[in-house]
Amino acid sequence: MLSILIPTYNYNVKPLVLQLQKQAEQLSIAYEIIICDDASKVNYLFDFNSISSVFYLKNETNLGRTQTRQKLATQAKFDTLLFLDADVLPAHENFLDIYIS
């Protein structure tokens, strides 16, 4: 029901992804988190694909903000899309619950 889409470039999104996954699991909703790295020069070594419902894509060349977001939207399997910038962290432990409501 919810596709959480995170474009990133040279930024470690692991804390954000783990917090969103925890919140989504607590809500027992159908969800996916898709991260698209826009050809970062910095490699944050973390196997996102080993986490349930999390998918990691990496652009071979830098496509820019708009095309990376379009790519994420086409990869999403749910109709409800939530785009989050890589450098945010939800202020509340119930961020997704509030969003869905």
PDB file of N, CA and C in Angstrom:
ATOM      1  N   MET A   1       0.790  -1.202   0.000  1.00  0.00           N
ATOM      2  CA  MET A   1       0.000   0.000   0.000  1.00  0.00           C
ATOM      3  C   MET A   1       0.832   1.265   0.000  1.00  0.00           C
ATOM      4  N   LEU A   2       2.107   1.193   0.484  1.00  0.00           N
ATOM      5  CA  LEU A   2       2.952   2.383   0.580  1.00  0.00           C
ATOM      6  C   LEU A   2       4.338   2.102   0.019  1.00  0.00           C
ATOM      7  N   SER A   3       4.742   2.912  -0.936  1.00  0.00           N
ATOM      8  CA  SER A   3       6.108   2.869  -1.458  1.00  0.00           C
ATOM      9  C   SER A   3       6.850   4.084  -0.924  1.00  0.00           C
ATOM     10  N   ILE A   4       7.890   3.831  -0.141  1.00  0.00           N
ATOM     11  CA  ILE A   4       8.725   4.896   0.408  1.00  0.00           C
ATOM     12  C   ILE A   4       9.954   4.991  -0.492  1.00  0.00           C
ATOM     13  N   LEU A   5      10.148   6.156  -1.091  1.00  0.00           N
ATOM     14  CA  LEU A   5      11.161   6.331  -2.114  1.00  0.00           C
ATOM     15  C   LEU A   5      12.204   7.341  -1.646  1.00  0.00           C
ATOM     16  N   ILE A   6      13.472   6.916  -1.687  1.00  0.00           N
ATOM     17  CA  ILE A   6      14.548   7.751  -1.163  1.00  0.00           C
ATOM     18  C   ILE A   6      15.655   7.899  -2.201  1.00  0.00           C
ATOM     19  N   PRO A   7      15.736   9.063  -2.851  1.00  0.00           N
ATOM     20  CA  PRO A   7      16.880   9.322  -3.718  1.00  0.00           C
ATOM     21  C   PRO A   7      18.066   9.755  -2.854  1.00  0.00           C
ATOM     22  N   THR A   8      19.258   9.329  -3.215  1.00  0.00           N
ATOM     23  CA  THR A   8      20.414   9.700  -2.412  1.00  0.00           C
ATOM     24  C   THR A   8      21.630   9.936  -3.293  1.00  0.00           C
ATOM     25  N   TYR A   9      22.541  10.731  -2.775  1.00  0.00           N
ATOM     26  CA  TYR A   9      23.812  10.997  -3.444  1.00  0.00           C
ATOM     27  C   TYR A   9      24.838  11.326  -2.369  1.00  0.00           C
ATOM     28  N   ASN A  10      25.863  10.482  -2.258  1.00  0.00           N
ATOM     29  CA  ASN A  10      26.938  10.684  -1.283  1.00  0.00           C
ATOM     30  C   ASN A  10      26.415  10.889   0.143  1.00  0.00           C
ATOM     31  N   TYR A  11      25.446  10.066   0.542  1.00  0.00           N
ATOM     32  CA  TYR A  11      24.876  10.210   1.878  1.00  0.00           C
ATOM     33  C   TYR A  11      24.508   8.838   2.425  1.00  0.00           C
ATOM     34  N   ASN A  12      24.765   8.620   3.699  1.00  0.00           N
ATOM     35  CA  ASN A  12      24.454   7.358   4.355  1.00  0.00           C
ATOM     36  C   ASN A  12      22.988   7.375   4.816  1.00  0.00           C
ATOM     37  N   VAL A  13      22.151   6.612   4.135  1.00  0.00           N
ATOM     38  CA  VAL A  13      20.720   6.590   4.456  1.00  0.00           C
ATOM     39  C   VAL A  13      20.340   5.443   5.396  1.00  0.00           C
ATOM     40  N   LYS A  14      21.307   4.701   5.862  1.00  0.00           N
ATOM     41  CA  LYS A  14      21.013   3.546   6.720  1.00  0.00           C
ATOM     42  C   LYS A  14      20.158   3.905   7.942  1.00  0.00           C
ATOM     43  N   PRO A  15      20.478   4.963   8.708  1.00  0.00           N
ATOM     44  CA  PRO A  15      19.639   5.280   9.881  1.00  0.00           C
ATOM     45  C   PRO A  15      18.182   5.567   9.499  1.00  0.00           C
ATOM     46  N   LEU A  16      17.978   6.286   8.412  1.00  0.00           N
ATOM     47  CA  LEU A  16      16.629   6.594   7.947  1.00  0.00           C
ATOM     48  C   LEU A  16      15.894   5.320   7.544  1.00  0.00           C
ATOM     49  N   VAL A  17      16.534   4.477   6.776  1.00  0.00           N
ATOM     50  CA  VAL A  17      15.909   3.250   6.283  1.00  0.00           C
ATOM     51  C   VAL A  17      15.530   2.336   7.444  1.00  0.00           C
ATOM     52  N   LEU A  18      16.422   2.166   8.392  1.00  0.00           N
ATOM     53  CA  LEU A  18      16.132   1.281   9.526  1.00  0.00           C
ATOM     54  C   LEU A  18      14.983   1.816  10.381  1.00  0.00           C
ATOM     55  N   GLN A  19      14.924   3.137  10.546  1.00  0.00           N
ATOM     56  CA  GLN A  19      13.823   3.711  11.330  1.00  0.00           C
ATOM     57  C   GLN A  19      12.493   3.553  10.599  1.00  0.00           C
ATOM     58  N   LEU A  20      12.484   3.789   9.290  1.00  0.00           N
ATOM     59  CA  LEU A  20      11.247   3.634   8.514  1.00  0.00           C
ATOM     60  C   LEU A  20      10.787   2.182   8.482  1.00  0.00           C
ATOM     61  N   GLN A  21      11.725   1.274   8.338  1.00  0.00           N
ATOM     62  CA  GLN A  21      11.372  -0.144   8.313  1.00  0.00           C
ATOM     63  C   GLN A  21      10.760  -0.561   9.649  1.00  0.00           C
ATOM     64  N   LYS A  22      11.343  -0.119  10.733  1.00  0.00           N
ATOM     65  CA  LYS A  22      10.818  -0.445  12.068  1.00  0.00           C
ATOM     66  C   LYS A  22       9.390   0.077  12.229  1.00  0.00           C
ATOM     67  N   GLN A  23       9.155   1.323  11.816  1.00  0.00           N
ATOM     68  CA  GLN A  23       7.823   1.902  11.939  1.00  0.00           C
ATOM     69  C   GLN A  23       6.807   1.166  11.064  1.00  0.00           C
ATOM     70  N   ALA A  24       7.195   0.849   9.847  1.00  0.00           N
ATOM     71  CA  ALA A  24       6.281   0.152   8.929  1.00  0.00           C
ATOM     72  C   ALA A  24       5.954  -1.247   9.446  1.00  0.00           C
ATOM     73  N   GLU A  25       6.937  -1.943   9.988  1.00  0.00           N
ATOM     74  CA  GLU A  25       6.702  -3.282  10.532  1.00  0.00           C
ATOM     75  C   GLU A  25       5.744  -3.230  11.722  1.00  0.00           C
ATOM     76  N   GLN A  26       5.858  -2.199  12.537  1.00  0.00           N
ATOM     77  CA  GLN A  26       4.970  -2.061  13.696  1.00  0.00           C
ATOM     78  C   GLN A  26       3.528  -1.800  13.260  1.00  0.00           C
ATOM     79  N   LEU A  27       3.351  -1.167  12.103  1.00  0.00           N
ATOM     80  CA  LEU A  27       2.004  -0.884  11.604  1.00  0.00           C
ATOM     81  C   LEU A  27       1.387  -2.078  10.881  1.00  0.00           C
ATOM     82  N   SER A  28       2.214  -3.048  10.559  1.00  0.00           N
ATOM     83  CA  SER A  28       1.751  -4.237   9.819  1.00  0.00           C
ATOM     84  C   SER A  28       1.063  -3.847   8.510  1.00  0.00           C
ATOM     85  N   ILE A  29       1.703  -2.983   7.757  1.00  0.00           N
ATOM     86  CA  ILE A  29       1.169  -2.568   6.461  1.00  0.00           C
ATOM     87  C   ILE A  29       2.015  -3.166   5.342  1.00  0.00           C
ATOM     88  N   ALA A  30       1.427  -3.240   4.174  1.00  0.00           N
ATOM     89  CA  ALA A  30       2.202  -3.628   2.992  1.00  0.00           C
ATOM     90  C   ALA A  30       3.016  -2.403   2.584  1.00  0.00           C
ATOM     91  N   TYR A  31       4.318  -2.580   2.481  1.00  0.00           N
ATOM     92  CA  TYR A  31       5.178  -1.446   2.157  1.00  0.00           C
ATOM     93  C   TYR A  31       6.432  -1.930   1.441  1.00  0.00           C
ATOM     94  N   GLU A  32       7.113  -0.974   0.855  1.00  0.00           N
ATOM     95  CA  GLU A  32       8.441  -1.198   0.309  1.00  0.00           C
ATOM     96  C   GLU A  32       9.223   0.094   0.484  1.00  0.00           C
ATOM     97  N   ILE A  33      10.511  -0.042   0.656  1.00  0.00           N
ATOM     98  CA  ILE A  33      11.410   1.105   0.700  1.00  0.00           C
ATOM     99  C   ILE A  33      12.383   0.916  -0.454  1.00  0.00           C
ATOM    100  N   ILE A  34      12.415   1.897  -1.350  1.00  0.00           N
ATOM    101  CA  ILE A  34      13.331   1.821  -2.484  1.00  0.00           C
ATOM    102  C   ILE A  34      14.293   2.996  -2.398  1.00  0.00           C
ATOM    103  N   ILE A  35      15.564   2.683  -2.415  1.00  0.00           N
ATOM    104  CA  ILE A  35      16.623   3.683  -2.375  1.00  0.00           C
ATOM    105  C   ILE A  35      17.261   3.706  -3.757  1.00  0.00           C
ATOM    106  N   CYS A  36      17.489   4.896  -4.289  1.00  0.00           N
ATOM    107  CA  CYS A  36      18.212   5.006  -5.559  1.00  0.00           C
ATOM    108  C   CYS A  36      19.398   5.936  -5.363  1.00  0.00           C
ATOM    109  N   ASP A  37      20.573   5.365  -5.461  1.00  0.00           N
ATOM    110  CA  ASP A  37      21.814   6.113  -5.359  1.00  0.00           C
ATOM    111  C   ASP A  37      22.149   6.680  -6.734  1.00  0.00           C
ATOM    112  N   ASP A  38      22.303   7.981  -6.810  1.00  0.00           N
ATOM    113  CA  ASP A  38      22.540   8.650  -8.088  1.00  0.00           C
ATOM    114  C   ASP A  38      24.032   8.717  -8.414  1.00  0.00           C
ATOM    115  N   ALA A  39      24.658   7.540  -8.516  1.00  0.00           N
ATOM    116  CA  ALA A  39      26.074   7.405  -8.895  1.00  0.00           C
ATOM    117  C   ALA A  39      27.009   8.126  -7.921  1.00  0.00           C
ATOM    118  N   SER A  40      26.796   7.886  -6.641  1.00  0.00           N
ATOM    119  CA  SER A  40      27.653   8.496  -5.615  1.00  0.00           C
ATOM    120  C   SER A  40      29.106   8.121  -5.812  1.00  0.00           C
ATOM    121  N   LYS A  41      29.962   9.046  -5.415  1.00  0.00           N
ATOM    122  CA  LYS A  41      31.397   8.772  -5.425  1.00  0.00           C
ATOM    123  C   LYS A  41      31.820   8.085  -4.124  1.00  0.00           C
ATOM    124  N   VAL A  42      31.021   8.285  -3.083  1.00  0.00           N
ATOM    125  CA  VAL A  42      31.271   7.666  -1.782  1.00  0.00           C
ATOM    126  C   VAL A  42      30.451   6.386  -1.711  1.00  0.00           C
ATOM    127  N   ASN A  43      31.061   5.295  -1.259  1.00  0.00           N
ATOM    128  CA  ASN A  43      30.363   4.019  -1.175  1.00  0.00           C
ATOM    129  C   ASN A  43      30.097   3.691   0.299  1.00  0.00           C
ATOM    130  N   TYR A  44      28.844   3.785   0.695  1.00  0.00           N
ATOM    131  CA  TYR A  44      28.457   3.400   2.050  1.00  0.00           C
ATOM    132  C   TYR A  44      28.129   1.914   2.014  1.00  0.00           C
ATOM    133  N   LEU A  45      29.017   1.120   2.539  1.00  0.00           N
ATOM    134  CA  LEU A  45      28.873  -0.321   2.449  1.00  0.00           C
ATOM    135  C   LEU A  45      27.814  -0.822   3.416  1.00  0.00           C
ATOM    136  N   PHE A  46      26.686  -1.146   2.863  1.00  0.00           N
ATOM    137  CA  PHE A  46      25.594  -1.741   3.626  1.00  0.00           C
ATOM    138  C   PHE A  46      24.694  -2.464   2.652  1.00  0.00           C
ATOM    139  N   ASP A  47      24.369  -3.697   2.916  1.00  0.00           N
ATOM    140  CA  ASP A  47      23.559  -4.491   2.000  1.00  0.00           C
ATOM    141  C   ASP A  47      22.084  -4.259   2.297  1.00  0.00           C
ATOM    142  N   PHE A  48      21.512  -3.228   1.679  1.00  0.00           N
ATOM    143  CA  PHE A  48      20.109  -2.909   1.899  1.00  0.00           C
ATOM    144  C   PHE A  48      19.190  -4.018   1.418  1.00  0.00           C
ATOM    145  N   ASN A  49      19.575  -4.712   0.353  1.00  0.00           N
ATOM    146  CA  ASN A  49      18.720  -5.758  -0.196  1.00  0.00           C
ATOM    147  C   ASN A  49      18.587  -6.959   0.742  1.00  0.00           C
ATOM    148  N   SER A  50      19.396  -6.993   1.801  1.00  0.00           N
ATOM    149  CA  SER A  50      19.271  -8.081   2.770  1.00  0.00           C
ATOM    150  C   SER A  50      18.185  -7.798   3.808  1.00  0.00           C
ATOM    151  N   ILE A  51      17.638  -6.588   3.787  1.00  0.00           N
ATOM    152  CA  ILE A  51      16.576  -6.208   4.722  1.00  0.00           C
ATOM    153  C   ILE A  51      15.238  -6.420   4.028  1.00  0.00           C
ATOM    154  N   SER A  52      14.314  -7.023   4.730  1.00  0.00           N
ATOM    155  CA  SER A  52      12.988  -7.290   4.186  1.00  0.00           C
ATOM    156  C   SER A  52      12.318  -6.018   3.679  1.00  0.00           C
ATOM    157  N   SER A  53      11.778  -6.072   2.472  1.00  0.00           N
ATOM    158  CA  SER A  53      11.015  -4.986   1.842  1.00  0.00           C
ATOM    159  C   SER A  53      11.840  -3.751   1.500  1.00  0.00           C
ATOM    160  N   VAL A  54      13.169  -3.879   1.493  1.00  0.00           N
ATOM    161  CA  VAL A  54      14.047  -2.766   1.126  1.00  0.00           C
ATOM    162  C   VAL A  54      14.801  -3.142  -0.137  1.00  0.00           C
ATOM    163  N   PHE A  55      14.799  -2.211  -1.091  1.00  0.00           N
ATOM    164  CA  PHE A  55      15.448  -2.450  -2.382  1.00  0.00           C
ATOM    165  C   PHE A  55      16.390  -1.298  -2.695  1.00  0.00           C
ATOM    166  N   TYR A  56      17.566  -1.629  -3.200  1.00  0.00           N
ATOM    167  CA  TYR A  56      18.602  -0.640  -3.478  1.00  0.00           C
ATOM    168  C   TYR A  56      18.917  -0.640  -4.963  1.00  0.00           C
ATOM    169  N   LEU A  57      18.858   0.540  -5.570  1.00  0.00           N
ATOM    170  CA  LEU A  57      19.224   0.724  -6.969  1.00  0.00           C
ATOM    171  C   LEU A  57      20.373   1.712  -7.024  1.00  0.00           C
ATOM    172  N   LYS A  58      21.231   1.576  -8.032  1.00  0.00           N
ATOM    173  CA  LYS A  58      22.324   2.528  -8.198  1.00  0.00           C
ATOM    174  C   LYS A  58      22.416   2.918  -9.657  1.00  0.00           C
ATOM    175  N   ASN A  59      22.359   4.225  -9.913  1.00  0.00           N
ATOM    176  CA  ASN A  59      22.526   4.720 -11.267  1.00  0.00           C
ATOM    177  C   ASN A  59      23.989   4.590 -11.675  1.00  0.00           C
ATOM    178  N   GLU A  60      24.218   4.170 -12.904  1.00  0.00           N
ATOM    179  CA  GLU A  60      25.584   4.050 -13.423  1.00  0.00           C
ATOM    180  C   GLU A  60      26.209   5.425 -13.637  1.00  0.00           C
ATOM    181  N   THR A  61      25.385   6.380 -14.064  1.00  0.00           N
ATOM    182  CA  THR A  61      25.830   7.763 -14.228  1.00  0.00           C
ATOM    183  C   THR A  61      24.869   8.661 -13.459  1.00  0.00           C
ATOM    184  N   ASN A  62      25.333   9.835 -13.118  1.00  0.00           N
ATOM    185  CA  ASN A  62      24.507  10.772 -12.364  1.00  0.00           C
ATOM    186  C   ASN A  62      23.392  11.292 -13.256  1.00  0.00           C
ATOM    187  N   LEU A  63      22.145  10.994 -12.892  1.00  0.00           N
ATOM    188  CA  LEU A  63      20.985  11.403 -13.677  1.00  0.00           C
ATOM    189  C   LEU A  63      20.376  12.708 -13.174  1.00  0.00           C
ATOM    190  N   GLY A  64      20.700  13.086 -11.969  1.00  0.00           N
ATOM    191  CA  GLY A  64      20.117  14.291 -11.389  1.00  0.00           C
ATOM    192  C   GLY A  64      18.868  13.969 -10.589  1.00  0.00           C
ATOM    193  N   ARG A  65      18.423  14.968  -9.874  1.00  0.00           N
ATOM    194  CA  ARG A  65      17.314  14.802  -8.931  1.00  0.00           C
ATOM    195  C   ARG A  65      16.012  14.360  -9.597  1.00  0.00           C
ATOM    196  N   THR A  66      15.628  15.035 -10.666  1.00  0.00           N
ATOM    197  CA  THR A  66      14.335  14.757 -11.287  1.00  0.00           C
ATOM    198  C   THR A  66      14.280  13.367 -11.900  1.00  0.00           C
ATOM    199  N   GLN A  67      15.278  12.994 -12.685  1.00  0.00           N
ATOM    200  CA  GLN A  67      15.262  11.680 -13.322  1.00  0.00           C
ATOM    201  C   GLN A  67      15.395  10.550 -12.304  1.00  0.00           C
ATOM    202  N   THR A  68      16.137  10.768 -11.252  1.00  0.00           N
ATOM    203  CA  THR A  68      16.253   9.743 -10.210  1.00  0.00           C
ATOM    204  C   THR A  68      14.910   9.540  -9.520  1.00  0.00           C
ATOM    205  N   ARG A  69      14.187  10.607  -9.250  1.00  0.00           N
ATOM    206  CA  ARG A  69      12.857  10.486  -8.647  1.00  0.00           C
ATOM    207  C   ARG A  69      11.875   9.813  -9.601  1.00  0.00           C
ATOM    208  N   GLN A  70      11.973  10.132 -10.883  1.00  0.00           N
ATOM    209  CA  GLN A  70      11.114   9.468 -11.866  1.00  0.00           C
ATOM    210  C   GLN A  70      11.412   7.974 -11.911  1.00  0.00           C
ATOM    211  N   LYS A  71      12.684   7.614 -11.849  1.00  0.00           N
ATOM    212  CA  LYS A  71      13.074   6.204 -11.838  1.00  0.00           C
ATOM    213  C   LYS A  71      12.484   5.496 -10.619  1.00  0.00           C
ATOM    214  N   LEU A  72      12.567   6.128  -9.465  1.00  0.00           N
ATOM    215  CA  LEU A  72      11.997   5.549  -8.252  1.00  0.00           C
ATOM    216  C   LEU A  72      10.493   5.337  -8.406  1.00  0.00           C
ATOM    217  N   ALA A  73       9.805   6.335  -8.944  1.00  0.00           N
ATOM    218  CA  ALA A  73       8.348   6.234  -9.105  1.00  0.00           C
ATOM    219  C   ALA A  73       7.970   5.092 -10.035  1.00  0.00           C
ATOM    220  N   THR A  74       8.730   4.867 -11.091  1.00  0.00           N
ATOM    221  CA  THR A  74       8.402   3.782 -12.020  1.00  0.00           C
ATOM    222  C   THR A  74       8.704   2.414 -11.410  1.00  0.00           C
ATOM    223  N   GLN A  75       9.613   2.354 -10.461  1.00  0.00           N
ATOM    224  CA  GLN A  75       9.951   1.094  -9.799  1.00  0.00           C
ATOM    225  C   GLN A  75       8.957   0.722  -8.698  1.00  0.00           C
ATOM    226  N   ALA A  76       8.214   1.703  -8.215  1.00  0.00           N
ATOM    227  CA  ALA A  76       7.292   1.480  -7.097  1.00  0.00           C
ATOM    228  C   ALA A  76       6.152   0.557  -7.502  1.00  0.00           C
ATOM    229  N   LYS A  77       5.785  -0.348  -6.597  1.00  0.00           N
ATOM    230  CA  LYS A  77       4.687  -1.262  -6.901  1.00  0.00           C
ATOM    231  C   LYS A  77       3.365  -0.841  -6.267  1.00  0.00           C
ATOM    232  N   PHE A  78       3.401   0.142  -5.382  1.00  0.00           N
ATOM    233  CA  PHE A  78       2.178   0.630  -4.756  1.00  0.00           C
ATOM    234  C   PHE A  78       1.810   2.005  -5.312  1.00  0.00           C
ATOM    235  N   ASP A  79       0.521   2.362  -5.196  1.00  0.00           N
ATOM    236  CA  ASP A  79       0.050   3.640  -5.729  1.00  0.00           C
ATOM    237  C   ASP A  79       0.377   4.828  -4.827  1.00  0.00           C
ATOM    238  N   THR A  80       0.495   4.593  -3.542  1.00  0.00           N
ATOM    239  CA  THR A  80       0.814   5.678  -2.617  1.00  0.00           C
ATOM    240  C   THR A  80       2.328   5.804  -2.509  1.00  0.00           C
ATOM    241  N   LEU A  81       2.840   6.966  -2.933  1.00  0.00           N
ATOM    242  CA  LEU A  81       4.282   7.206  -2.948  1.00  0.00           C
ATOM    243  C   LEU A  81       4.642   8.245  -1.894  1.00  0.00           C
ATOM    244  N   LEU A  82       5.655   7.927  -1.116  1.00  0.00           N
ATOM    245  CA  LEU A  82       6.185   8.868  -0.131  1.00  0.00           C
ATOM    246  C   LEU A  82       7.653   9.098  -0.464  1.00  0.00           C
ATOM    247  N   PHE A  83       7.965  10.281  -0.989  1.00  0.00           N
ATOM    248  CA  PHE A  83       9.350  10.642  -1.274  1.00  0.00           C
ATOM    249  C   PHE A  83       9.945  11.297  -0.036  1.00  0.00           C
ATOM    250  N   LEU A  84      11.117  10.825   0.359  1.00  0.00           N
ATOM    251  CA  LEU A  84      11.833  11.434   1.487  1.00  0.00           C
ATOM    252  C   LEU A  84      13.256  11.733   1.054  1.00  0.00           C
ATOM    253  N   ASP A  85      13.742  12.912   1.419  1.00  0.00           N
ATOM    254  CA  ASP A  85      15.137  13.237   1.156  1.00  0.00           C
ATOM    255  C   ASP A  85      16.020  12.365   2.044  1.00  0.00           C
ATOM    256  N   ALA A  86      17.200  12.077   1.556  1.00  0.00           N
ATOM    257  CA  ALA A  86      18.112  11.178   2.258  1.00  0.00           C
ATOM    258  C   ALA A  86      18.567  11.719   3.607  1.00  0.00           C
ATOM    259  N   ASP A  87      18.593  13.022   3.760  1.00  0.00           N
ATOM    260  CA  ASP A  87      19.152  13.610   4.978  1.00  0.00           C
ATOM    261  C   ASP A  87      18.123  13.940   6.053  1.00  0.00           C
ATOM    262  N   VAL A  88      16.940  13.336   5.962  1.00  0.00           N
ATOM    263  CA  VAL A  88      15.931  13.579   6.994  1.00  0.00           C
ATOM    264  C   VAL A  88      15.835  12.380   7.932  1.00  0.00           C
ATOM    265  N   LEU A  89      15.384  12.644   9.120  1.00  0.00           N
ATOM    266  CA  LEU A  89      15.001  11.595  10.065  1.00  0.00           C
ATOM    267  C   LEU A  89      13.658  12.015  10.644  1.00  0.00           C
ATOM    268  N   PRO A  90      12.686  11.117  10.672  1.00  0.00           N
ATOM    269  CA  PRO A  90      11.385  11.477  11.243  1.00  0.00           C
ATOM    270  C   PRO A  90      11.534  11.967  12.678  1.00  0.00           C
ATOM    271  N   ALA A  91      10.821  13.035  12.982  1.00  0.00           N
ATOM    272  CA  ALA A  91      10.882  13.626  14.321  1.00  0.00           C
ATOM    273  C   ALA A  91      10.125  12.789  15.348  1.00  0.00           C
ATOM    274  N   HIS A  92       9.193  11.953  14.859  1.00  0.00           N
ATOM    275  CA  HIS A  92       8.360  11.176  15.769  1.00  0.00           C
ATOM    276  C   HIS A  92       8.448   9.694  15.441  1.00  0.00           C
ATOM    277  N   GLU A  93       8.323   8.878  16.479  1.00  0.00           N
ATOM    278  CA  GLU A  93       8.356   7.423  16.305  1.00  0.00           C
ATOM    279  C   GLU A  93       7.130   6.902  15.562  1.00  0.00           C
ATOM    280  N   ASN A  94       6.102   7.725  15.436  1.00  0.00           N
ATOM    281  CA  ASN A  94       4.876   7.312  14.754  1.00  0.00           C
ATOM    282  C   ASN A  94       4.672   8.107  13.452  1.00  0.00           C
ATOM    283  N   PHE A  95       5.760   8.540  12.844  1.00  0.00           N
ATOM    284  CA  PHE A  95       5.705   9.330  11.608  1.00  0.00           C
ATOM    285  C   PHE A  95       4.864   8.652  10.530  1.00  0.00           C
ATOM    286  N   LEU A  96       5.112   7.389  10.265  1.00  0.00           N
ATOM    287  CA  LEU A  96       4.362   6.690   9.212  1.00  0.00           C
ATOM    288  C   LEU A  96       2.893   6.529   9.573  1.00  0.00           C
ATOM    289  N   ASP A  97       2.612   6.288  10.829  1.00  0.00           N
ATOM    290  CA  ASP A  97       1.220   6.180  11.273  1.00  0.00           C
ATOM    291  C   ASP A  97       0.484   7.499  11.015  1.00  0.00           C
ATOM    292  N   ILE A  98       1.123   8.607  11.337  1.00  0.00           N
ATOM    293  CA  ILE A  98       0.528   9.923  11.094  1.00  0.00           C
ATOM    294  C   ILE A  98       0.363  10.153   9.593  1.00  0.00           C
ATOM    295  N   TYR A  99       1.361   9.788   8.815  1.00  0.00           N
ATOM    296  CA  TYR A  99       1.310   9.973   7.370  1.00  0.00           C
ATOM    297  C   TYR A  99       0.151   9.189   6.746  1.00  0.00           C
ATOM    298  N   ILE A 100       0.020   7.942   7.147  1.00  0.00           N
ATOM    299  CA  ILE A 100      -1.021   7.084   6.594  1.00  0.00           C
ATOM    300  C   ILE A 100      -2.411   7.577   6.986  1.00  0.00           C
ATOM    301  N   SER A 101      -2.540   8.076   8.205  1.00  0.00           N
ATOM    302  CA  SER A 101      -3.840   8.591   8.669  1.00  0.00           C
ATOM    303  C   SER A 101      -4.248   9.785   7.853  1.00  0.00           C
TER     304      SER A 101
END
